[in-house]
N, C-alpha and C. Protein backbone atom coordinates (compact mmCIF):
# COMPACT_ATOMS: atom_id res chain seq x y z
N MET A 1 0.84 -1.22 -0.01
CA MET A 1 0.00 0.01 0.00
C MET A 1 0.88 1.28 -0.02
N ILE A 2 0.57 2.21 -0.81
CA ILE A 2 1.31 3.46 -0.85
C ILE A 2 0.67 4.42 0.08
N LEU A 3 1.50 4.95 1.00
CA LEU A 3 1.01 5.91 2.03
C LEU A 3 1.22 7.36 1.54
N LEU A 4 0.13 8.09 1.45
CA LEU A 4 0.21 9.43 1.03
C LEU A 4 0.58 10.36 2.14
N PRO A 5 1.07 11.53 1.92
CA PRO A 5 1.46 12.43 3.01
C PRO A 5 0.27 12.79 3.92
N VAL A 6 0.34 12.40 5.16
CA VAL A 6 -0.79 12.52 6.06
C VAL A 6 -0.90 13.96 6.60
N LEU A 7 0.20 14.66 6.72
CA LEU A 7 0.14 16.07 7.28
C LEU A 7 -0.60 16.97 6.30
N ALA A 8 -0.47 16.77 5.02
CA ALA A 8 -1.27 17.55 4.05
C ALA A 8 -2.72 17.29 4.18
N PHE A 9 -3.09 16.04 4.40
CA PHE A 9 -4.43 15.71 4.67
C PHE A 9 -4.98 16.43 5.91
N ALA A 10 -4.22 16.39 6.98
CA ALA A 10 -4.66 16.93 8.24
C ALA A 10 -4.87 18.40 8.08
N ALA A 11 -4.10 19.08 7.20
CA ALA A 11 -4.27 20.49 7.05
C ALA A 11 -5.45 20.91 6.17
N SER A 12 -5.78 20.00 5.15
CA SER A 12 -6.76 20.42 4.25
C SER A 12 -8.12 19.69 4.34
N TRP A 13 -8.17 18.60 5.05
CA TRP A 13 -9.41 17.85 5.20
C TRP A 13 -10.42 18.70 5.92
N PRO A 14 -11.75 18.72 5.44
CA PRO A 14 -12.70 19.64 6.02
C PRO A 14 -13.34 19.08 7.30
N PHE A 15 -12.54 19.17 8.40
CA PHE A 15 -13.06 18.71 9.71
C PHE A 15 -14.11 19.62 10.21
N PRO A 16 -15.03 19.14 11.07
CA PRO A 16 -15.92 20.06 11.78
C PRO A 16 -15.12 21.05 12.64
N ALA A 17 -15.70 22.21 12.91
CA ALA A 17 -15.02 23.27 13.63
C ALA A 17 -14.96 22.90 15.11
N LEU A 18 -13.97 22.05 15.49
CA LEU A 18 -13.90 21.59 16.85
C LEU A 18 -12.91 22.36 17.68
N GLY A 19 -12.24 23.32 17.13
CA GLY A 19 -11.19 24.02 17.91
C GLY A 19 -11.81 25.03 18.82
N ALA A 20 -13.03 25.56 18.51
CA ALA A 20 -13.65 26.54 19.36
C ALA A 20 -14.17 25.92 20.65
N ALA A 21 -14.41 26.78 21.67
CA ALA A 21 -14.96 26.31 22.91
C ALA A 21 -16.33 25.74 22.66
N LEU A 22 -16.61 24.56 23.14
CA LEU A 22 -17.89 23.91 22.91
C LEU A 22 -18.56 23.58 24.27
N VAL A 23 -19.86 23.65 24.29
CA VAL A 23 -20.65 23.25 25.45
C VAL A 23 -21.13 21.88 25.18
N PRO A 24 -20.55 20.82 25.78
CA PRO A 24 -20.98 19.44 25.49
C PRO A 24 -22.44 19.30 25.85
N ARG A 25 -23.20 18.65 24.93
CA ARG A 25 -24.60 18.48 25.22
C ARG A 25 -24.93 17.00 25.26
N GLN A 26 -25.75 16.63 26.21
CA GLN A 26 -26.16 15.26 26.34
C GLN A 26 -27.40 15.01 25.43
N THR A 27 -27.34 14.00 24.61
CA THR A 27 -28.41 13.66 23.67
C THR A 27 -28.98 12.32 24.20
N VAL A 28 -30.22 12.35 24.61
CA VAL A 28 -30.86 11.18 25.21
C VAL A 28 -31.69 10.45 24.32
N PHE A 29 -32.23 11.07 23.24
CA PHE A 29 -33.25 10.40 22.39
C PHE A 29 -32.55 9.27 21.55
N PRO A 30 -33.23 8.17 21.29
CA PRO A 30 -32.69 7.10 20.50
C PRO A 30 -32.75 7.37 19.03
N PHE A 31 -31.78 6.93 18.28
CA PHE A 31 -31.68 7.19 16.89
C PHE A 31 -31.10 5.91 16.23
N ASP A 32 -31.79 5.44 15.18
CA ASP A 32 -31.28 4.26 14.44
C ASP A 32 -30.11 4.69 13.56
N CYS A 33 -28.96 4.50 13.98
CA CYS A 33 -27.77 4.98 13.26
C CYS A 33 -27.45 4.09 12.09
N GLY A 34 -27.80 2.84 12.14
CA GLY A 34 -27.54 1.90 11.03
C GLY A 34 -26.01 1.65 10.81
N GLN A 35 -25.65 1.46 9.58
CA GLN A 35 -24.24 1.19 9.28
C GLN A 35 -23.44 2.56 9.51
N VAL A 36 -22.22 2.50 9.88
CA VAL A 36 -21.41 3.68 10.15
C VAL A 36 -20.37 3.78 8.99
N ARG A 37 -20.56 4.82 8.17
CA ARG A 37 -19.69 5.09 7.05
C ARG A 37 -18.46 5.89 7.52
N VAL A 38 -17.30 5.55 7.00
CA VAL A 38 -16.05 6.19 7.36
C VAL A 38 -15.49 6.82 6.12
N ASP A 39 -15.36 8.16 6.08
CA ASP A 39 -14.82 8.93 4.94
C ASP A 39 -13.41 9.42 5.22
N SER A 40 -12.55 9.33 4.32
CA SER A 40 -11.22 9.83 4.44
C SER A 40 -10.74 10.52 3.14
N PRO A 41 -9.89 11.49 3.23
CA PRO A 41 -9.36 12.14 2.02
C PRO A 41 -8.51 11.17 1.19
N ASN A 42 -8.02 10.16 1.87
CA ASN A 42 -7.24 9.07 1.21
C ASN A 42 -8.30 7.96 1.06
N ALA A 43 -8.85 7.81 -0.18
CA ALA A 43 -9.99 6.94 -0.35
C ALA A 43 -9.65 5.49 -0.08
N THR A 44 -8.41 5.08 -0.08
CA THR A 44 -8.09 3.70 0.30
C THR A 44 -8.37 3.38 1.69
N TYR A 45 -8.63 4.39 2.52
CA TYR A 45 -8.93 4.15 3.96
C TYR A 45 -10.47 4.25 4.19
N SER A 46 -11.20 4.72 3.24
CA SER A 46 -12.65 4.93 3.45
C SER A 46 -13.35 3.55 3.41
N GLY A 47 -14.57 3.50 3.97
CA GLY A 47 -15.33 2.29 3.97
C GLY A 47 -16.42 2.37 5.05
N PHE A 48 -16.63 1.22 5.71
CA PHE A 48 -17.68 1.14 6.80
C PHE A 48 -17.03 0.38 7.98
N LEU A 49 -17.48 0.67 9.16
CA LEU A 49 -17.04 -0.07 10.35
C LEU A 49 -17.47 -1.55 10.16
N ALA A 50 -16.55 -2.42 10.42
CA ALA A 50 -16.84 -3.85 10.40
C ALA A 50 -17.48 -4.34 11.70
N ALA A 51 -18.36 -5.31 11.59
CA ALA A 51 -19.04 -5.84 12.79
C ALA A 51 -18.06 -6.65 13.70
N ASP A 52 -17.13 -7.32 13.07
CA ASP A 52 -16.27 -8.23 13.83
C ASP A 52 -14.94 -7.50 14.16
N LEU A 53 -14.54 -7.64 15.42
CA LEU A 53 -13.26 -7.07 15.85
C LEU A 53 -12.09 -7.91 15.27
N ASP A 54 -10.96 -7.25 15.22
CA ASP A 54 -9.73 -7.97 14.68
C ASP A 54 -9.08 -8.75 15.76
N ALA A 55 -7.90 -9.31 15.51
CA ALA A 55 -7.27 -10.24 16.41
C ALA A 55 -6.94 -9.59 17.76
N GLU A 56 -6.75 -8.29 17.77
CA GLU A 56 -6.44 -7.60 19.00
C GLU A 56 -7.71 -6.95 19.60
N ARG A 57 -8.81 -7.36 19.08
CA ARG A 57 -10.14 -6.93 19.65
C ARG A 57 -10.41 -5.45 19.48
N ARG A 58 -10.06 -4.94 18.26
CA ARG A 58 -10.28 -3.55 17.97
C ARG A 58 -11.14 -3.47 16.66
N TYR A 59 -12.00 -2.35 16.62
CA TYR A 59 -12.83 -2.18 15.44
C TYR A 59 -11.98 -1.66 14.25
N VAL A 60 -12.31 -2.14 13.06
CA VAL A 60 -11.59 -1.75 11.87
C VAL A 60 -12.63 -1.26 10.80
N VAL A 61 -12.04 -0.68 9.72
CA VAL A 61 -12.80 -0.15 8.65
C VAL A 61 -12.66 -1.17 7.51
N THR A 62 -13.80 -1.59 6.94
CA THR A 62 -13.78 -2.56 5.84
C THR A 62 -14.22 -1.87 4.50
N ARG A 63 -13.59 -2.33 3.43
CA ARG A 63 -13.91 -1.82 2.09
C ARG A 63 -14.64 -2.91 1.29
N THR A 64 -14.76 -4.10 1.82
CA THR A 64 -15.37 -5.16 1.05
C THR A 64 -16.84 -5.38 1.39
N ALA A 65 -17.59 -5.60 0.36
CA ALA A 65 -19.08 -5.79 0.52
C ALA A 65 -19.37 -7.12 1.20
N SER A 66 -18.40 -8.06 1.15
CA SER A 66 -18.67 -9.41 1.69
C SER A 66 -18.47 -9.47 3.21
N GLN A 67 -17.77 -8.45 3.77
CA GLN A 67 -17.51 -8.43 5.20
C GLN A 67 -18.65 -7.80 5.96
N LYS A 68 -19.18 -8.39 6.99
CA LYS A 68 -20.32 -7.92 7.73
C LYS A 68 -20.00 -6.54 8.30
N ARG A 69 -20.96 -5.59 8.09
CA ARG A 69 -20.83 -4.24 8.59
C ARG A 69 -21.57 -4.08 9.91
N LEU A 70 -20.92 -3.20 10.78
CA LEU A 70 -21.47 -2.97 12.10
C LEU A 70 -22.78 -2.22 11.98
N LEU A 71 -23.79 -2.66 12.72
CA LEU A 71 -25.08 -1.92 12.87
C LEU A 71 -25.12 -1.31 14.24
N THR A 72 -25.61 -0.09 14.35
CA THR A 72 -25.60 0.60 15.61
C THR A 72 -26.86 1.39 15.87
N ARG A 73 -27.07 1.70 17.14
CA ARG A 73 -28.13 2.58 17.60
C ARG A 73 -27.52 3.61 18.46
N TYR A 74 -27.91 4.88 18.27
CA TYR A 74 -27.38 6.02 19.01
C TYR A 74 -28.36 6.45 20.10
N GLU A 75 -27.85 6.55 21.36
CA GLU A 75 -28.71 7.01 22.44
C GLU A 75 -27.73 7.41 23.59
N ASN A 76 -28.11 8.48 24.26
CA ASN A 76 -27.30 8.94 25.45
C ASN A 76 -25.86 9.13 25.08
N ASN A 77 -25.67 9.77 23.90
CA ASN A 77 -24.26 10.02 23.43
C ASN A 77 -23.41 8.76 23.25
N THR A 78 -24.08 7.61 22.97
CA THR A 78 -23.42 6.36 22.90
C THR A 78 -23.81 5.63 21.66
N LEU A 79 -22.85 4.90 21.05
CA LEU A 79 -23.19 4.03 19.97
C LEU A 79 -23.30 2.60 20.49
N PHE A 80 -24.55 2.09 20.54
CA PHE A 80 -24.77 0.73 20.95
C PHE A 80 -24.63 -0.20 19.75
N THR A 81 -23.88 -1.27 19.92
CA THR A 81 -23.65 -2.19 18.76
C THR A 81 -24.72 -3.25 18.77
N LEU A 82 -25.24 -3.59 17.56
CA LEU A 82 -26.32 -4.56 17.42
C LEU A 82 -25.92 -5.87 16.87
N ASN A 83 -24.81 -5.92 16.27
CA ASN A 83 -24.42 -7.24 15.60
C ASN A 83 -22.85 -7.48 15.72
N SER A 84 -22.17 -6.89 16.74
CA SER A 84 -20.83 -7.12 16.92
C SER A 84 -20.50 -8.41 17.57
N ASN A 85 -19.26 -8.93 17.33
CA ASN A 85 -18.79 -10.05 18.08
C ASN A 85 -18.10 -9.72 19.40
N GLY A 86 -18.08 -8.41 19.71
CA GLY A 86 -17.48 -8.00 21.00
C GLY A 86 -18.42 -8.44 22.15
N LYS A 87 -17.80 -8.57 23.35
CA LYS A 87 -18.53 -9.06 24.51
C LYS A 87 -19.29 -7.93 25.22
N ASN A 88 -19.04 -6.70 24.88
CA ASN A 88 -19.64 -5.54 25.56
C ASN A 88 -20.56 -4.79 24.60
N PRO A 89 -21.51 -4.00 25.13
CA PRO A 89 -22.56 -3.51 24.28
C PRO A 89 -22.33 -2.23 23.47
N THR A 90 -21.18 -1.57 23.62
CA THR A 90 -21.00 -0.31 23.02
C THR A 90 -19.68 -0.22 22.20
N PHE A 91 -19.70 0.63 21.21
CA PHE A 91 -18.51 1.01 20.43
C PHE A 91 -17.87 2.18 21.29
N GLY A 92 -16.84 1.87 21.99
CA GLY A 92 -16.19 2.84 22.89
C GLY A 92 -14.73 2.96 22.65
N ALA A 93 -14.12 3.92 23.28
CA ALA A 93 -12.70 4.26 23.14
C ALA A 93 -11.90 3.90 24.37
N THR A 94 -10.74 3.28 24.17
CA THR A 94 -9.83 2.96 25.23
C THR A 94 -8.50 3.61 25.00
N PHE A 95 -7.98 4.27 26.04
CA PHE A 95 -6.80 5.07 25.95
C PHE A 95 -5.60 4.20 25.53
N GLY A 96 -4.78 4.76 24.61
CA GLY A 96 -3.63 4.04 24.12
C GLY A 96 -2.68 3.71 25.17
N PHE A 97 -2.29 2.43 25.23
CA PHE A 97 -1.51 1.94 26.41
C PHE A 97 -0.05 2.33 26.44
N TYR A 98 0.59 2.39 25.19
CA TYR A 98 2.02 2.56 25.13
C TYR A 98 2.52 3.93 25.11
N TRP A 99 1.60 4.94 25.01
CA TRP A 99 2.00 6.35 24.90
C TRP A 99 1.35 7.16 25.97
N ASP A 100 2.23 7.79 26.78
CA ASP A 100 1.77 8.57 27.91
C ASP A 100 2.54 9.88 27.99
N THR A 101 2.17 10.81 27.07
CA THR A 101 2.82 12.09 27.00
C THR A 101 1.99 13.14 27.74
N PRO A 102 2.58 14.30 28.11
CA PRO A 102 1.80 15.33 28.76
C PRO A 102 0.57 15.67 27.95
N PRO A 103 -0.59 15.78 28.57
CA PRO A 103 -0.85 15.97 30.06
C PRO A 103 -0.95 14.72 30.87
N GLY A 104 -0.48 13.58 30.42
CA GLY A 104 -0.43 12.40 31.23
C GLY A 104 -1.60 11.52 30.93
N LYS A 105 -1.35 10.26 31.25
CA LYS A 105 -2.38 9.27 31.07
C LYS A 105 -3.50 9.39 32.07
N PRO A 106 -4.85 9.26 31.69
CA PRO A 106 -5.32 9.05 30.30
C PRO A 106 -6.03 10.30 29.75
N ASN A 107 -5.23 11.35 29.51
CA ASN A 107 -5.83 12.62 29.11
C ASN A 107 -5.45 13.00 27.73
N PHE A 108 -6.34 13.86 27.12
CA PHE A 108 -6.07 14.44 25.81
C PHE A 108 -5.75 15.92 25.99
N ALA A 109 -5.05 16.47 25.02
CA ALA A 109 -4.85 17.95 24.97
C ALA A 109 -4.61 18.34 23.54
N PRO A 110 -4.93 19.56 23.13
CA PRO A 110 -4.65 20.03 21.78
C PRO A 110 -3.20 19.94 21.39
N SER A 111 -2.27 19.91 22.36
CA SER A 111 -0.89 19.82 22.08
C SER A 111 -0.21 18.44 22.22
N ALA A 112 -1.07 17.49 22.44
CA ALA A 112 -0.54 16.13 22.74
C ALA A 112 -0.81 15.10 21.66
N GLN A 113 0.07 14.11 21.50
CA GLN A 113 -0.11 13.04 20.54
C GLN A 113 -0.95 11.88 21.09
N ASN A 114 -1.36 11.97 22.35
CA ASN A 114 -2.21 10.91 23.01
C ASN A 114 -3.36 10.55 22.14
N TYR A 115 -3.74 9.30 22.22
CA TYR A 115 -4.86 8.77 21.40
C TYR A 115 -5.65 7.73 22.15
N ALA A 116 -6.78 7.39 21.63
CA ALA A 116 -7.55 6.23 22.11
C ALA A 116 -8.00 5.39 20.93
N TYR A 117 -8.14 4.10 21.07
CA TYR A 117 -8.61 3.24 20.00
C TYR A 117 -9.95 2.69 20.31
N PHE A 118 -10.72 2.32 19.28
CA PHE A 118 -12.09 1.86 19.47
C PHE A 118 -12.13 0.36 19.57
N ASN A 119 -12.90 -0.05 20.59
CA ASN A 119 -13.10 -1.48 20.81
C ASN A 119 -14.47 -1.69 21.50
N SER A 120 -14.72 -2.84 21.97
CA SER A 120 -15.97 -3.18 22.60
C SER A 120 -15.91 -2.96 24.12
N VAL A 121 -16.55 -1.92 24.59
CA VAL A 121 -16.45 -1.61 26.04
C VAL A 121 -17.82 -1.52 26.73
N ALA A 122 -17.79 -1.52 28.04
CA ALA A 122 -19.05 -1.39 28.82
C ALA A 122 -19.50 -0.01 28.67
N ALA A 123 -20.83 0.25 28.83
CA ALA A 123 -21.42 1.56 28.66
C ALA A 123 -21.04 2.41 29.86
N SER A 124 -20.70 3.73 29.58
CA SER A 124 -20.40 4.71 30.54
C SER A 124 -21.45 5.80 30.45
N LYS A 125 -21.47 6.72 31.40
CA LYS A 125 -22.39 7.79 31.42
C LYS A 125 -21.76 9.05 30.79
N HIS A 126 -22.64 9.88 30.13
CA HIS A 126 -22.11 11.11 29.57
C HIS A 126 -21.42 11.99 30.58
N GLY A 127 -20.20 12.42 30.24
CA GLY A 127 -19.41 13.28 31.17
C GLY A 127 -18.60 12.49 32.15
N ALA A 128 -18.70 11.11 32.12
CA ALA A 128 -17.92 10.31 33.01
C ALA A 128 -16.43 10.38 32.72
N LYS A 129 -15.63 10.41 33.72
CA LYS A 129 -14.18 10.41 33.55
C LYS A 129 -13.70 9.03 33.07
N PRO A 130 -12.49 8.98 32.50
CA PRO A 130 -11.94 7.64 32.10
C PRO A 130 -11.95 6.70 33.26
N ALA A 131 -12.35 5.45 33.00
CA ALA A 131 -12.47 4.46 34.08
C ALA A 131 -12.08 3.13 33.57
N ASN A 132 -11.64 2.25 34.45
CA ASN A 132 -11.25 0.88 34.18
C ASN A 132 -12.52 0.03 34.06
N ILE A 133 -13.29 0.32 33.01
CA ILE A 133 -14.53 -0.50 32.75
C ILE A 133 -14.15 -1.63 31.88
N ALA A 134 -15.05 -2.61 31.78
CA ALA A 134 -14.81 -3.77 30.96
C ALA A 134 -14.50 -3.34 29.55
N ALA A 135 -13.47 -3.99 28.96
CA ALA A 135 -13.12 -3.66 27.55
C ALA A 135 -12.54 -4.92 26.92
N SER A 136 -12.89 -5.17 25.69
CA SER A 136 -12.36 -6.32 24.93
C SER A 136 -11.00 -5.97 24.42
N ILE A 137 -9.95 -6.40 25.10
CA ILE A 137 -8.54 -6.10 24.73
C ILE A 137 -7.78 -7.36 24.68
N ASN A 138 -6.90 -7.47 23.70
CA ASN A 138 -6.01 -8.65 23.52
C ASN A 138 -4.73 -8.17 22.85
N GLU A 139 -3.78 -7.82 23.72
CA GLU A 139 -2.48 -7.33 23.18
C GLU A 139 -1.40 -7.60 24.23
N VAL A 140 -0.19 -7.51 23.80
CA VAL A 140 0.95 -7.81 24.65
C VAL A 140 0.90 -6.85 25.81
N GLY A 141 1.16 -7.40 27.02
CA GLY A 141 1.18 -6.59 28.25
C GLY A 141 -0.13 -6.52 28.98
N THR A 142 -1.18 -7.18 28.48
CA THR A 142 -2.53 -7.12 29.06
C THR A 142 -2.88 -8.46 29.57
N ASN A 143 -3.44 -8.49 30.75
CA ASN A 143 -3.93 -9.79 31.31
C ASN A 143 -5.36 -10.05 30.79
N PRO A 144 -5.51 -11.05 29.91
CA PRO A 144 -6.87 -11.27 29.30
C PRO A 144 -7.95 -11.55 30.43
N SER A 145 -7.56 -12.14 31.55
CA SER A 145 -8.56 -12.47 32.56
C SER A 145 -9.16 -11.22 33.15
N THR A 146 -8.55 -10.05 33.07
CA THR A 146 -9.10 -8.83 33.62
C THR A 146 -9.73 -7.93 32.52
N GLY A 147 -9.68 -8.37 31.27
CA GLY A 147 -10.13 -7.57 30.17
C GLY A 147 -9.46 -6.28 30.03
N GLY A 148 -8.22 -6.15 30.52
CA GLY A 148 -7.46 -4.92 30.39
C GLY A 148 -7.71 -3.91 31.51
N LYS A 149 -8.52 -4.33 32.50
CA LYS A 149 -8.96 -3.35 33.53
C LYS A 149 -7.75 -2.76 34.33
N ARG A 150 -6.67 -3.48 34.42
CA ARG A 150 -5.58 -2.94 35.22
C ARG A 150 -4.88 -1.83 34.55
N ASP A 151 -4.81 -1.84 33.23
CA ASP A 151 -3.98 -0.89 32.48
C ASP A 151 -4.66 0.11 31.56
N HIS A 152 -5.94 -0.13 31.29
CA HIS A 152 -6.57 0.67 30.27
C HIS A 152 -7.83 1.40 30.82
N GLU A 153 -7.98 2.71 30.47
CA GLU A 153 -9.10 3.47 30.81
C GLU A 153 -9.91 3.64 29.62
N SER A 154 -11.31 3.51 29.78
CA SER A 154 -12.18 3.63 28.58
C SER A 154 -13.30 4.57 28.82
N GLU A 155 -13.96 4.95 27.72
CA GLU A 155 -15.18 5.78 27.80
C GLU A 155 -16.04 5.37 26.57
N SER A 156 -17.37 5.56 26.76
CA SER A 156 -18.19 5.22 25.57
C SER A 156 -19.24 6.37 25.25
N ALA A 157 -19.62 7.13 26.25
CA ALA A 157 -20.72 8.18 25.97
C ALA A 157 -19.96 9.47 25.55
N ILE A 158 -19.31 9.41 24.35
CA ILE A 158 -18.47 10.55 23.93
C ILE A 158 -18.90 11.07 22.57
N PHE A 159 -20.05 10.63 21.97
CA PHE A 159 -20.41 10.97 20.69
C PHE A 159 -21.49 12.00 20.66
N TYR A 160 -21.43 12.82 19.55
CA TYR A 160 -22.41 13.93 19.34
C TYR A 160 -22.95 13.87 17.95
N LEU A 161 -24.26 13.70 17.83
CA LEU A 161 -24.97 13.53 16.50
C LEU A 161 -25.28 14.81 15.92
N GLN A 162 -24.74 15.12 14.66
CA GLN A 162 -24.92 16.35 14.03
C GLN A 162 -26.22 16.31 13.13
N GLU A 163 -26.62 17.49 12.69
CA GLU A 163 -27.83 17.58 11.78
C GLU A 163 -27.63 16.84 10.46
N PRO A 164 -28.70 16.39 9.86
CA PRO A 164 -28.57 15.70 8.56
C PRO A 164 -27.97 16.60 7.48
N THR A 165 -27.15 16.01 6.60
CA THR A 165 -26.63 16.74 5.45
C THR A 165 -26.73 15.87 4.24
N GLY A 166 -26.72 16.53 3.11
CA GLY A 166 -26.73 15.86 1.82
C GLY A 166 -28.08 15.27 1.42
N ALA A 167 -28.19 14.81 0.20
CA ALA A 167 -29.42 14.28 -0.26
C ALA A 167 -29.90 13.01 0.55
N ALA A 168 -28.91 12.20 1.01
CA ALA A 168 -29.22 10.97 1.73
C ALA A 168 -29.59 11.29 3.17
N GLY A 169 -29.28 12.53 3.67
CA GLY A 169 -29.58 12.80 5.03
C GLY A 169 -28.74 12.09 6.12
N ASP A 170 -27.49 11.70 5.67
CA ASP A 170 -26.59 11.12 6.66
C ASP A 170 -26.23 12.07 7.73
N ARG A 171 -25.94 11.55 8.91
CA ARG A 171 -25.68 12.46 10.08
C ARG A 171 -24.28 12.16 10.59
N GLU A 172 -23.46 13.15 10.65
CA GLU A 172 -22.09 12.99 11.10
C GLU A 172 -22.07 12.80 12.63
N LEU A 173 -21.11 11.99 13.07
CA LEU A 173 -20.81 11.85 14.51
C LEU A 173 -19.46 12.48 14.84
N THR A 174 -19.45 13.32 15.84
CA THR A 174 -18.19 13.91 16.30
C THR A 174 -17.98 13.28 17.67
N ALA A 175 -16.77 13.59 18.27
CA ALA A 175 -16.45 12.97 19.58
C ALA A 175 -15.77 13.97 20.40
N GLN A 176 -15.91 13.85 21.74
CA GLN A 176 -15.09 14.58 22.74
C GLN A 176 -14.65 13.67 23.87
N TRP A 177 -13.36 13.58 24.08
CA TRP A 177 -12.84 12.78 25.16
C TRP A 177 -12.97 13.55 26.51
N VAL A 178 -13.30 12.81 27.54
CA VAL A 178 -13.36 13.47 28.88
C VAL A 178 -12.12 13.19 29.66
N ASN A 179 -11.37 14.24 30.12
CA ASN A 179 -10.21 14.02 30.91
C ASN A 179 -10.47 13.74 32.34
N THR A 180 -9.44 13.39 33.10
CA THR A 180 -9.62 13.02 34.49
C THR A 180 -10.06 14.24 35.37
N ASP A 181 -9.86 15.44 34.90
CA ASP A 181 -10.40 16.64 35.63
C ASP A 181 -11.81 16.99 35.21
N GLY A 182 -12.43 16.22 34.38
CA GLY A 182 -13.80 16.47 33.94
C GLY A 182 -13.90 17.34 32.75
N SER A 183 -12.81 17.84 32.18
CA SER A 183 -12.87 18.75 31.03
C SER A 183 -13.11 17.85 29.78
N PHE A 184 -13.77 18.49 28.79
CA PHE A 184 -14.07 17.89 27.46
C PHE A 184 -13.07 18.39 26.50
N VAL A 185 -12.45 17.45 25.71
CA VAL A 185 -11.45 17.79 24.67
C VAL A 185 -11.93 17.31 23.34
N PRO A 186 -12.23 18.19 22.34
CA PRO A 186 -12.63 17.75 20.99
C PRO A 186 -11.62 16.81 20.43
N ALA A 187 -12.12 15.76 19.82
CA ALA A 187 -11.25 14.70 19.29
C ALA A 187 -11.51 14.53 17.82
N SER A 188 -10.53 14.16 17.07
CA SER A 188 -10.67 13.84 15.60
C SER A 188 -10.43 12.40 15.40
N PHE A 189 -11.12 11.80 14.40
CA PHE A 189 -10.93 10.40 14.03
C PHE A 189 -9.77 10.23 13.08
N VAL A 190 -9.14 9.11 13.25
CA VAL A 190 -8.03 8.70 12.36
C VAL A 190 -8.05 7.21 12.12
N ILE A 191 -7.63 6.79 10.96
CA ILE A 191 -7.50 5.39 10.63
C ILE A 191 -6.01 5.11 10.49
N ASN A 192 -5.49 4.04 11.18
CA ASN A 192 -4.10 3.71 11.07
C ASN A 192 -3.89 2.75 9.95
N THR A 193 -2.66 2.38 9.78
CA THR A 193 -2.29 1.56 8.57
C THR A 193 -2.82 0.09 8.73
N GLN A 194 -3.32 -0.28 9.94
CA GLN A 194 -3.96 -1.56 10.10
C GLN A 194 -5.49 -1.46 9.94
N ARG A 195 -5.92 -0.28 9.51
CA ARG A 195 -7.35 0.02 9.28
C ARG A 195 -8.16 0.06 10.57
N ARG A 196 -7.46 0.22 11.71
CA ARG A 196 -8.15 0.45 12.95
C ARG A 196 -8.50 1.90 13.15
N ILE A 197 -9.62 2.23 13.79
CA ILE A 197 -10.03 3.56 13.93
C ILE A 197 -9.71 4.10 15.29
N ASN A 198 -9.09 5.23 15.40
CA ASN A 198 -8.70 5.88 16.64
C ASN A 198 -9.24 7.31 16.76
N ILE A 199 -8.97 7.90 17.90
CA ILE A 199 -9.29 9.35 18.07
C ILE A 199 -8.09 9.99 18.71
N SER A 200 -7.86 11.29 18.41
CA SER A 200 -6.73 11.94 19.02
C SER A 200 -7.14 13.46 19.16
N GLY A 201 -6.53 14.13 20.11
CA GLY A 201 -6.87 15.52 20.30
C GLY A 201 -6.12 16.47 19.40
N ASN A 202 -5.08 15.90 18.71
CA ASN A 202 -4.26 16.75 17.78
C ASN A 202 -3.73 15.85 16.71
N LEU A 203 -4.23 15.91 15.49
CA LEU A 203 -3.83 15.07 14.41
C LEU A 203 -2.41 15.38 13.95
N THR A 204 -1.94 16.65 13.98
CA THR A 204 -0.65 16.97 13.54
C THR A 204 0.38 16.26 14.48
N ARG A 205 0.18 16.33 15.78
CA ARG A 205 1.09 15.64 16.70
C ARG A 205 0.90 14.13 16.54
N TYR A 206 -0.28 13.62 16.32
CA TYR A 206 -0.51 12.18 16.13
C TYR A 206 0.32 11.70 14.91
N PHE A 207 0.22 12.43 13.81
CA PHE A 207 0.89 11.94 12.61
C PHE A 207 2.39 12.17 12.64
N GLN A 208 2.90 12.85 13.63
CA GLN A 208 4.38 12.94 13.80
C GLN A 208 4.95 11.59 14.38
N GLU A 209 4.02 10.77 14.93
CA GLU A 209 4.43 9.51 15.47
C GLU A 209 3.96 8.30 14.69
N TRP A 210 2.79 8.42 14.00
CA TRP A 210 2.18 7.24 13.38
C TRP A 210 1.70 7.64 11.96
N GLN A 211 1.56 6.58 11.16
CA GLN A 211 1.05 6.81 9.79
C GLN A 211 -0.49 6.44 9.78
N GLY A 212 -1.10 6.82 8.74
CA GLY A 212 -2.55 6.57 8.56
C GLY A 212 -3.17 7.76 7.83
N ALA A 213 -4.45 8.00 8.11
CA ALA A 213 -5.16 9.07 7.42
C ALA A 213 -6.25 9.59 8.35
N PRO A 214 -6.59 10.89 8.25
CA PRO A 214 -7.76 11.41 9.01
C PRO A 214 -9.03 10.85 8.50
N ALA A 215 -10.12 10.97 9.28
CA ALA A 215 -11.41 10.40 8.92
C ALA A 215 -12.55 11.19 9.53
N ARG A 216 -13.74 10.96 8.98
CA ARG A 216 -14.97 11.47 9.56
C ARG A 216 -15.94 10.27 9.51
N ILE A 217 -16.89 10.19 10.46
CA ILE A 217 -17.77 9.05 10.48
C ILE A 217 -19.22 9.54 10.43
N PHE A 218 -20.10 8.77 9.84
CA PHE A 218 -21.52 9.13 9.61
C PHE A 218 -22.41 7.99 9.85
N CYS A 219 -23.59 8.28 10.45
CA CYS A 219 -24.68 7.33 10.51
C CYS A 219 -25.37 7.38 9.16
N THR A 220 -25.58 6.19 8.60
CA THR A 220 -26.23 6.11 7.31
C THR A 220 -27.69 5.66 7.37
N GLN A 221 -28.11 5.12 8.52
CA GLN A 221 -29.44 4.60 8.73
C GLN A 221 -29.66 3.34 7.75
N THR A 222 -28.63 2.80 7.21
CA THR A 222 -28.78 1.67 6.31
C THR A 222 -28.66 0.38 7.08
N LYS A 223 -29.53 -0.54 6.94
CA LYS A 223 -29.52 -1.84 7.70
C LYS A 223 -29.00 -2.96 6.78
């Protein structure tokens, strides 16, 4: 696979205006999100979230029609999974284990490369701080019997449903990570070279360490 310059993507990709101060809002009404489409300026990374987690129990983006796509329902700022092979009910984020740069684990900042990856986690409440809740994790340095509880902090009620756009009426999902002090940090989506989907508070800093491409995600209401 040929990797295109990611920093140029980060500068030009039309991200939502997340840099301004935001008042996080809790959305309690249920919404049939359906399949989750992932768009990237590098089309080789675009596709849909797959229903089945990979070998390390993380969600990936699929481009093949034969691979089962994840179906979701949005409620209480959470994406509930309807057909995943994960053991937990939500599409949630777990703080990256191997990187702990200022402002420290498990926090985000606009100046930090810190990131979280998406996997199958227990449901959390909107505004809840990172916690050692159940998460489907399988990687070196993690005790499978604890589901990663000793080392990983996760959140799930971090999504914000935007107004419909385009002829199809698809609705974009944005995200904000909650730090240990209770502050909300706007986060951007990114796909790494293994097609896993992550979030970070600063894509420029993120891409100084890792390769991949920026992304945006949308509810398509397609079943």
